[in-house]
Amino acid sequence: MQRHPSLIPLSHEHKRLLFVCRYLKKNAAPYEGFPLETQAKFEYVVKVFQELMVPHIQKEEYLFEKCMGKDPAVDALIKELQQEHRIISGMYSTLADSRQLDEDMDRLATSLEEHIRKEERQFFELLQQLFPEFLNSLQFEK
Protein backbone atom coordinates (compact mmCIF):
# COMPACT_ATOMS: atom_id res chain seq x y z
CA MET A 1 0.00 0.00 0.00
CA GLN A 2 1.29 3.44 -0.86
CA ARG A 3 2.15 5.53 2.18
CA HIS A 4 -0.39 8.19 3.20
CA PRO A 5 1.05 11.69 2.62
CA SER A 6 0.85 12.62 6.32
CA LEU A 7 3.04 9.62 7.23
CA ILE A 8 5.65 10.13 4.51
CA PRO A 9 7.91 12.37 6.66
CA LEU A 10 8.05 9.67 9.35
CA SER A 11 8.77 7.02 6.71
CA HIS A 12 11.62 9.13 5.33
CA GLU A 13 13.10 9.35 8.83
CA HIS A 14 12.66 5.58 9.17
CA LYS A 15 14.64 5.11 5.98
CA ARG A 16 17.51 7.17 7.38
CA LEU A 17 17.36 5.28 10.68
CA LEU A 18 17.46 1.93 8.86
CA PHE A 19 20.73 3.04 7.29
CA VAL A 20 22.01 3.82 10.80
CA CYS A 21 20.97 0.33 11.90
CA ARG A 22 22.94 -1.29 9.08
CA TYR A 23 25.97 0.86 9.90
CA LEU A 24 25.90 0.03 13.62
CA LYS A 25 25.81 -3.72 13.19
CA LYS A 26 28.97 -5.69 13.90
CA ASN A 27 29.09 -7.08 10.38
CA ALA A 28 28.55 -3.66 8.75
CA ALA A 29 29.89 -3.25 5.27
CA PRO A 30 32.16 -0.28 4.71
CA TYR A 31 30.23 2.80 3.63
CA GLU A 32 32.06 5.65 1.93
CA GLY A 33 32.85 8.32 4.49
CA PHE A 34 31.73 6.26 7.49
CA PRO A 35 34.53 4.82 9.64
CA LEU A 36 34.01 1.37 11.11
CA GLU A 37 36.04 1.96 14.29
CA THR A 38 33.95 1.40 17.41
CA GLN A 39 34.44 4.87 18.88
CA ALA A 40 33.55 6.59 15.60
CA LYS A 41 30.39 4.51 15.29
CA PHE A 42 29.49 5.37 18.89
CA GLU A 43 29.97 9.09 18.22
CA TYR A 44 27.79 8.79 15.13
CA VAL A 45 24.97 7.06 17.01
CA VAL A 46 25.06 9.76 19.71
CA LYS A 47 24.71 12.44 17.04
CA VAL A 48 21.89 10.60 15.27
CA PHE A 49 19.96 10.01 18.48
CA GLN A 50 20.20 13.65 19.50
CA GLU A 51 19.44 15.11 16.08
CA LEU A 52 17.00 12.61 14.59
CA MET A 53 15.82 9.91 16.97
CA VAL A 54 14.64 12.08 19.85
CA PRO A 55 12.51 14.39 17.64
CA HIS A 56 11.30 11.35 15.68
CA ILE A 57 10.07 9.60 18.82
CA GLN A 58 8.35 12.82 19.91
CA LYS A 59 6.46 12.92 16.59
CA GLU A 60 5.47 9.30 16.96
CA GLU A 61 4.32 9.82 20.53
CA TYR A 62 2.15 12.69 19.26
CA LEU A 63 0.72 10.34 16.62
CA PHE A 64 0.10 7.66 19.26
CA GLU A 65 -1.71 10.17 21.47
CA LYS A 66 -3.96 11.25 18.60
CA CYS A 67 -4.75 7.64 17.61
CA MET A 68 -5.31 6.20 21.10
CA GLY A 69 -8.88 5.24 21.95
CA LYS A 70 -10.10 4.90 18.37
CA ASP A 71 -9.69 1.13 17.94
CA PRO A 72 -8.63 -1.71 20.32
CA ALA A 73 -6.17 -3.23 17.83
CA VAL A 74 -4.51 0.14 17.27
CA ASP A 75 -4.38 0.77 21.03
CA ALA A 76 -2.69 -2.59 21.63
CA LEU A 77 -0.11 -1.93 18.92
CA ILE A 78 0.55 1.56 20.27
CA LYS A 79 1.27 0.12 23.72
CA GLU A 80 3.76 -2.34 22.18
CA LEU A 81 5.46 0.43 20.21
CA GLN A 82 5.65 2.71 23.26
CA GLN A 83 7.26 -0.10 25.26
CA GLU A 84 9.75 -0.62 22.43
CA HIS A 85 10.53 3.13 22.47
CA ARG A 86 11.37 2.84 26.18
CA ILE A 87 13.53 -0.25 25.61
CA ILE A 88 15.41 1.30 22.68
CA SER A 89 15.94 4.55 24.60
CA GLY A 90 17.24 2.54 27.55
CA MET A 91 19.62 0.60 25.33
CA TYR A 92 20.93 3.86 23.92
CA SER A 93 21.34 5.37 27.40
CA THR A 94 23.57 2.52 28.54
CA LEU A 95 25.96 2.71 25.57
CA ALA A 96 28.23 5.31 27.21
CA ASP A 97 29.05 2.87 30.04
CA SER A 98 29.20 -0.24 27.89
CA ARG A 99 32.11 -2.65 28.26
CA GLN A 100 31.11 -4.40 25.03
CA LEU A 101 30.21 -1.45 22.83
CA ASP A 102 30.26 -3.28 19.49
CA GLU A 103 27.85 -5.92 20.77
CA ASP A 104 25.58 -3.38 22.46
CA MET A 105 25.43 -1.18 19.35
CA ASP A 106 24.62 -4.29 17.32
CA ARG A 107 21.77 -5.18 19.71
CA LEU A 108 20.47 -1.62 19.60
CA ALA A 109 20.59 -1.64 15.79
CA THR A 110 18.74 -4.96 15.60
CA SER A 111 16.04 -3.82 18.04
CA LEU A 112 15.59 -0.48 16.31
CA GLU A 113 15.37 -2.13 12.89
CA GLU A 114 12.68 -4.57 14.09
CA HIS A 115 10.79 -1.69 15.68
CA ILE A 116 10.87 0.43 12.52
CA ARG A 117 9.72 -2.49 10.40
CA LYS A 118 6.77 -3.05 12.79
CA GLU A 119 5.80 0.62 12.57
CA GLU A 120 6.01 0.64 8.78
CA ARG A 121 4.47 -2.76 8.03
CA GLN A 122 1.90 -3.03 10.78
CA PHE A 123 1.12 0.29 12.47
CA PHE A 124 1.16 2.61 9.46
CA GLU A 125 -0.70 0.07 7.33
CA LEU A 126 -3.37 -0.34 10.03
CA LEU A 127 -3.78 3.43 10.38
CA GLN A 128 -4.14 3.81 6.63
CA GLN A 129 -6.80 1.09 6.50
CA LEU A 130 -8.82 2.24 9.51
CA PHE A 131 -8.36 6.01 9.63
CA PRO A 132 -7.68 7.50 6.19
CA GLU A 133 -9.76 10.61 6.89
CA PHE A 134 -8.13 11.12 10.28
CA LEU A 135 -4.68 10.95 8.69
CA ASN A 136 -5.67 13.81 6.38
CA SER A 137 -5.81 16.09 9.45
CA LEU A 138 -2.27 15.27 10.62
CA GLN A 139 0.71 17.42 9.76
CA PHE A 140 4.34 16.53 10.47
CA GLU A 141 7.33 18.63 9.58
CA LYS A 142 9.25 17.38 6.58
C-alpha atoms as a PDB file:
ATOM      1  CA  MET A   1       0.000   0.000   0.000  1.00  0.00           C
ATOM      2  CA  GLN A   2       1.287   3.442  -0.862  1.00  0.00           C
ATOM      3  CA  ARG A   3       2.146   5.527   2.177  1.00  0.00           C
ATOM      4  CA  HIS A   4      -0.393   8.187   3.204  1.00  0.00           C
ATOM      5  CA  PRO A   5       1.046  11.690   2.622  1.00  0.00           C
ATOM      6  CA  SER A   6       0.847  12.617   6.316  1.00  0.00           C
ATOM      7  CA  LEU A   7       3.036   9.617   7.226  1.00  0.00           C
ATOM      8  CA  ILE A   8       5.652  10.131   4.506  1.00  0.00           C
ATOM      9  CA  PRO A   9       7.911  12.371   6.656  1.00  0.00           C
ATOM     10  CA  LEU A  10       8.047   9.669   9.352  1.00  0.00           C
ATOM     11  CA  SER A  11       8.766   7.020   6.708  1.00  0.00           C
ATOM     12  CA  HIS A  12      11.624   9.129   5.335  1.00  0.00           C
ATOM     13  CA  GLU A  13      13.096   9.346   8.829  1.00  0.00           C
ATOM     14  CA  HIS A  14      12.660   5.584   9.170  1.00  0.00           C
ATOM     15  CA  LYS A  15      14.643   5.106   5.978  1.00  0.00           C
ATOM     16  CA  ARG A  16      17.515   7.165   7.378  1.00  0.00           C
ATOM     17  CA  LEU A  17      17.362   5.276  10.682  1.00  0.00           C
ATOM     18  CA  LEU A  18      17.461   1.934   8.861  1.00  0.00           C
ATOM     19  CA  PHE A  19      20.734   3.038   7.289  1.00  0.00           C
ATOM     20  CA  VAL A  20      22.012   3.820  10.795  1.00  0.00           C
ATOM     21  CA  CYS A  21      20.972   0.332  11.896  1.00  0.00           C
ATOM     22  CA  ARG A  22      22.944  -1.293   9.078  1.00  0.00           C
ATOM     23  CA  TYR A  23      25.967   0.862   9.898  1.00  0.00           C
ATOM     24  CA  LEU A  24      25.904   0.025  13.621  1.00  0.00           C
ATOM     25  CA  LYS A  25      25.806  -3.724  13.187  1.00  0.00           C
ATOM     26  CA  LYS A  26      28.970  -5.691  13.899  1.00  0.00           C
ATOM     27  CA  ASN A  27      29.085  -7.084  10.382  1.00  0.00           C
ATOM     28  CA  ALA A  28      28.545  -3.663   8.755  1.00  0.00           C
ATOM     29  CA  ALA A  29      29.887  -3.250   5.266  1.00  0.00           C
ATOM     30  CA  PRO A  30      32.164  -0.283   4.712  1.00  0.00           C
ATOM     31  CA  TYR A  31      30.231   2.796   3.628  1.00  0.00           C
ATOM     32  CA  GLU A  32      32.060   5.648   1.930  1.00  0.00           C
ATOM     33  CA  GLY A  33      32.846   8.322   4.491  1.00  0.00           C
ATOM     34  CA  PHE A  34      31.732   6.257   7.489  1.00  0.00           C
ATOM     35  CA  PRO A  35      34.532   4.815   9.640  1.00  0.00           C
ATOM     36  CA  LEU A  36      34.015   1.374  11.110  1.00  0.00           C
ATOM     37  CA  GLU A  37      36.038   1.960  14.289  1.00  0.00           C
ATOM     38  CA  THR A  38      33.948   1.395  17.406  1.00  0.00           C
ATOM     39  CA  GLN A  39      34.443   4.868  18.885  1.00  0.00           C
ATOM     40  CA  ALA A  40      33.546   6.587  15.601  1.00  0.00           C
ATOM     41  CA  LYS A  41      30.389   4.505  15.289  1.00  0.00           C
ATOM     42  CA  PHE A  42      29.487   5.369  18.886  1.00  0.00           C
ATOM     43  CA  GLU A  43      29.968   9.090  18.221  1.00  0.00           C
ATOM     44  CA  TYR A  44      27.788   8.791  15.134  1.00  0.00           C
ATOM     45  CA  VAL A  45      24.973   7.062  17.011  1.00  0.00           C
ATOM     46  CA  VAL A  46      25.057   9.757  19.713  1.00  0.00           C
ATOM     47  CA  LYS A  47      24.706  12.441  17.040  1.00  0.00           C
ATOM     48  CA  VAL A  48      21.888  10.603  15.270  1.00  0.00           C
ATOM     49  CA  PHE A  49      19.962  10.005  18.479  1.00  0.00           C
ATOM     50  CA  GLN A  50      20.204  13.649  19.500  1.00  0.00           C
ATOM     51  CA  GLU A  51      19.436  15.112  16.085  1.00  0.00           C
ATOM     52  CA  LEU A  52      17.005  12.605  14.586  1.00  0.00           C
ATOM     53  CA  MET A  53      15.821   9.906  16.967  1.00  0.00           C
ATOM     54  CA  VAL A  54      14.638  12.084  19.854  1.00  0.00           C
ATOM     55  CA  PRO A  55      12.512  14.386  17.640  1.00  0.00           C
ATOM     56  CA  HIS A  56      11.302  11.347  15.682  1.00  0.00           C
ATOM     57  CA  ILE A  57      10.073   9.604  18.820  1.00  0.00           C
ATOM     58  CA  GLN A  58       8.349  12.816  19.910  1.00  0.00           C
ATOM     59  CA  LYS A  59       6.463  12.925  16.592  1.00  0.00           C
ATOM     60  CA  GLU A  60       5.465   9.298  16.957  1.00  0.00           C
ATOM     61  CA  GLU A  61       4.316   9.817  20.534  1.00  0.00           C
ATOM     62  CA  TYR A  62       2.148  12.693  19.259  1.00  0.00           C
ATOM     63  CA  LEU A  63       0.717  10.344  16.622  1.00  0.00           C
ATOM     64  CA  PHE A  64       0.104   7.665  19.257  1.00  0.00           C
ATOM     65  CA  GLU A  65      -1.709  10.165  21.472  1.00  0.00           C
ATOM     66  CA  LYS A  66      -3.960  11.250  18.598  1.00  0.00           C
ATOM     67  CA  CYS A  67      -4.748   7.638  17.608  1.00  0.00           C
ATOM     68  CA  MET A  68      -5.314   6.203  21.097  1.00  0.00           C
ATOM     69  CA  GLY A  69      -8.879   5.240  21.946  1.00  0.00           C
ATOM     70  CA  LYS A  70     -10.096   4.898  18.370  1.00  0.00           C
ATOM     71  CA  ASP A  71      -9.687   1.129  17.936  1.00  0.00           C
ATOM     72  CA  PRO A  72      -8.634  -1.708  20.321  1.00  0.00           C
ATOM     73  CA  ALA A  73      -6.169  -3.232  17.825  1.00  0.00           C
ATOM     74  CA  VAL A  74      -4.515   0.140  17.267  1.00  0.00           C
ATOM     75  CA  ASP A  75      -4.384   0.767  21.027  1.00  0.00           C
ATOM     76  CA  ALA A  76      -2.687  -2.594  21.628  1.00  0.00           C
ATOM     77  CA  LEU A  77      -0.111  -1.933  18.916  1.00  0.00           C
ATOM     78  CA  ILE A  78       0.552   1.561  20.270  1.00  0.00           C
ATOM     79  CA  LYS A  79       1.266   0.119  23.718  1.00  0.00           C
ATOM     80  CA  GLU A  80       3.757  -2.336  22.179  1.00  0.00           C
ATOM     81  CA  LEU A  81       5.455   0.429  20.215  1.00  0.00           C
ATOM     82  CA  GLN A  82       5.653   2.707  23.256  1.00  0.00           C
ATOM     83  CA  GLN A  83       7.260  -0.099  25.256  1.00  0.00           C
ATOM     84  CA  GLU A  84       9.753  -0.619  22.433  1.00  0.00           C
ATOM     85  CA  HIS A  85      10.529   3.129  22.473  1.00  0.00           C
ATOM     86  CA  ARG A  86      11.367   2.839  26.177  1.00  0.00           C
ATOM     87  CA  ILE A  87      13.534  -0.251  25.605  1.00  0.00           C
ATOM     88  CA  ILE A  88      15.411   1.304  22.680  1.00  0.00           C
ATOM     89  CA  SER A  89      15.945   4.550  24.597  1.00  0.00           C
ATOM     90  CA  GLY A  90      17.243   2.538  27.550  1.00  0.00           C
ATOM     91  CA  MET A  91      19.621   0.595  25.327  1.00  0.00           C
ATOM     92  CA  TYR A  92      20.930   3.861  23.920  1.00  0.00           C
ATOM     93  CA  SER A  93      21.337   5.367  27.402  1.00  0.00           C
ATOM     94  CA  THR A  94      23.568   2.518  28.538  1.00  0.00           C
ATOM     95  CA  LEU A  95      25.960   2.708  25.570  1.00  0.00           C
ATOM     96  CA  ALA A  96      28.233   5.307  27.210  1.00  0.00           C
ATOM     97  CA  ASP A  97      29.048   2.871  30.041  1.00  0.00           C
ATOM     98  CA  SER A  98      29.204  -0.242  27.892  1.00  0.00           C
ATOM     99  CA  ARG A  99      32.114  -2.645  28.256  1.00  0.00           C
ATOM    100  CA  GLN A 100      31.108  -4.401  25.030  1.00  0.00           C
ATOM    101  CA  LEU A 101      30.212  -1.447  22.833  1.00  0.00           C
ATOM    102  CA  ASP A 102      30.259  -3.285  19.490  1.00  0.00           C
ATOM    103  CA  GLU A 103      27.848  -5.919  20.774  1.00  0.00           C
ATOM    104  CA  ASP A 104      25.578  -3.377  22.460  1.00  0.00           C
ATOM    105  CA  MET A 105      25.426  -1.184  19.349  1.00  0.00           C
ATOM    106  CA  ASP A 106      24.619  -4.294  17.323  1.00  0.00           C
ATOM    107  CA  ARG A 107      21.766  -5.183  19.711  1.00  0.00           C
ATOM    108  CA  LEU A 108      20.473  -1.621  19.596  1.00  0.00           C
ATOM    109  CA  ALA A 109      20.587  -1.641  15.794  1.00  0.00           C
ATOM    110  CA  THR A 110      18.736  -4.957  15.598  1.00  0.00           C
ATOM    111  CA  SER A 111      16.042  -3.820  18.042  1.00  0.00           C
ATOM    112  CA  LEU A 112      15.592  -0.480  16.309  1.00  0.00           C
ATOM    113  CA  GLU A 113      15.374  -2.135  12.889  1.00  0.00           C
ATOM    114  CA  GLU A 114      12.684  -4.566  14.091  1.00  0.00           C
ATOM    115  CA  HIS A 115      10.788  -1.692  15.681  1.00  0.00           C
ATOM    116  CA  ILE A 116      10.873   0.435  12.524  1.00  0.00           C
ATOM    117  CA  ARG A 117       9.715  -2.485  10.402  1.00  0.00           C
ATOM    118  CA  LYS A 118       6.771  -3.050  12.789  1.00  0.00           C
ATOM    119  CA  GLU A 119       5.800   0.616  12.566  1.00  0.00           C
ATOM    120  CA  GLU A 120       6.007   0.638   8.777  1.00  0.00           C
ATOM    121  CA  ARG A 121       4.474  -2.759   8.028  1.00  0.00           C
ATOM    122  CA  GLN A 122       1.902  -3.028  10.784  1.00  0.00           C
ATOM    123  CA  PHE A 123       1.123   0.286  12.470  1.00  0.00           C
ATOM    124  CA  PHE A 124       1.159   2.614   9.460  1.00  0.00           C
ATOM    125  CA  GLU A 125      -0.703   0.067   7.333  1.00  0.00           C
ATOM    126  CA  LEU A 126      -3.373  -0.337  10.032  1.00  0.00           C
ATOM    127  CA  LEU A 127      -3.781   3.429  10.376  1.00  0.00           C
ATOM    128  CA  GLN A 128      -4.143   3.810   6.626  1.00  0.00           C
ATOM    129  CA  GLN A 129      -6.801   1.092   6.501  1.00  0.00           C
ATOM    130  CA  LEU A 130      -8.817   2.242   9.511  1.00  0.00           C
ATOM    131  CA  PHE A 131      -8.355   6.014   9.635  1.00  0.00           C
ATOM    132  CA  PRO A 132      -7.683   7.498   6.185  1.00  0.00           C
ATOM    133  CA  GLU A 133      -9.764  10.609   6.892  1.00  0.00           C
ATOM    134  CA  PHE A 134      -8.128  11.123  10.283  1.00  0.00           C
ATOM    135  CA  LEU A 135      -4.676  10.947   8.685  1.00  0.00           C
ATOM    136  CA  ASN A 136      -5.665  13.809   6.384  1.00  0.00           C
ATOM    137  CA  SER A 137      -5.813  16.087   9.448  1.00  0.00           C
ATOM    138  CA  LEU A 138      -2.266  15.271  10.624  1.00  0.00           C
ATOM    139  CA  GLN A 139       0.705  17.419   9.762  1.00  0.00           C
ATOM    140  CA  PHE A 140       4.337  16.531  10.474  1.00  0.00           C
ATOM    141  CA  GLU A 141       7.334  18.634   9.583  1.00  0.00           C
ATOM    142  CA  LYS A 142       9.252  17.379   6.577  1.00  0.00           C
END
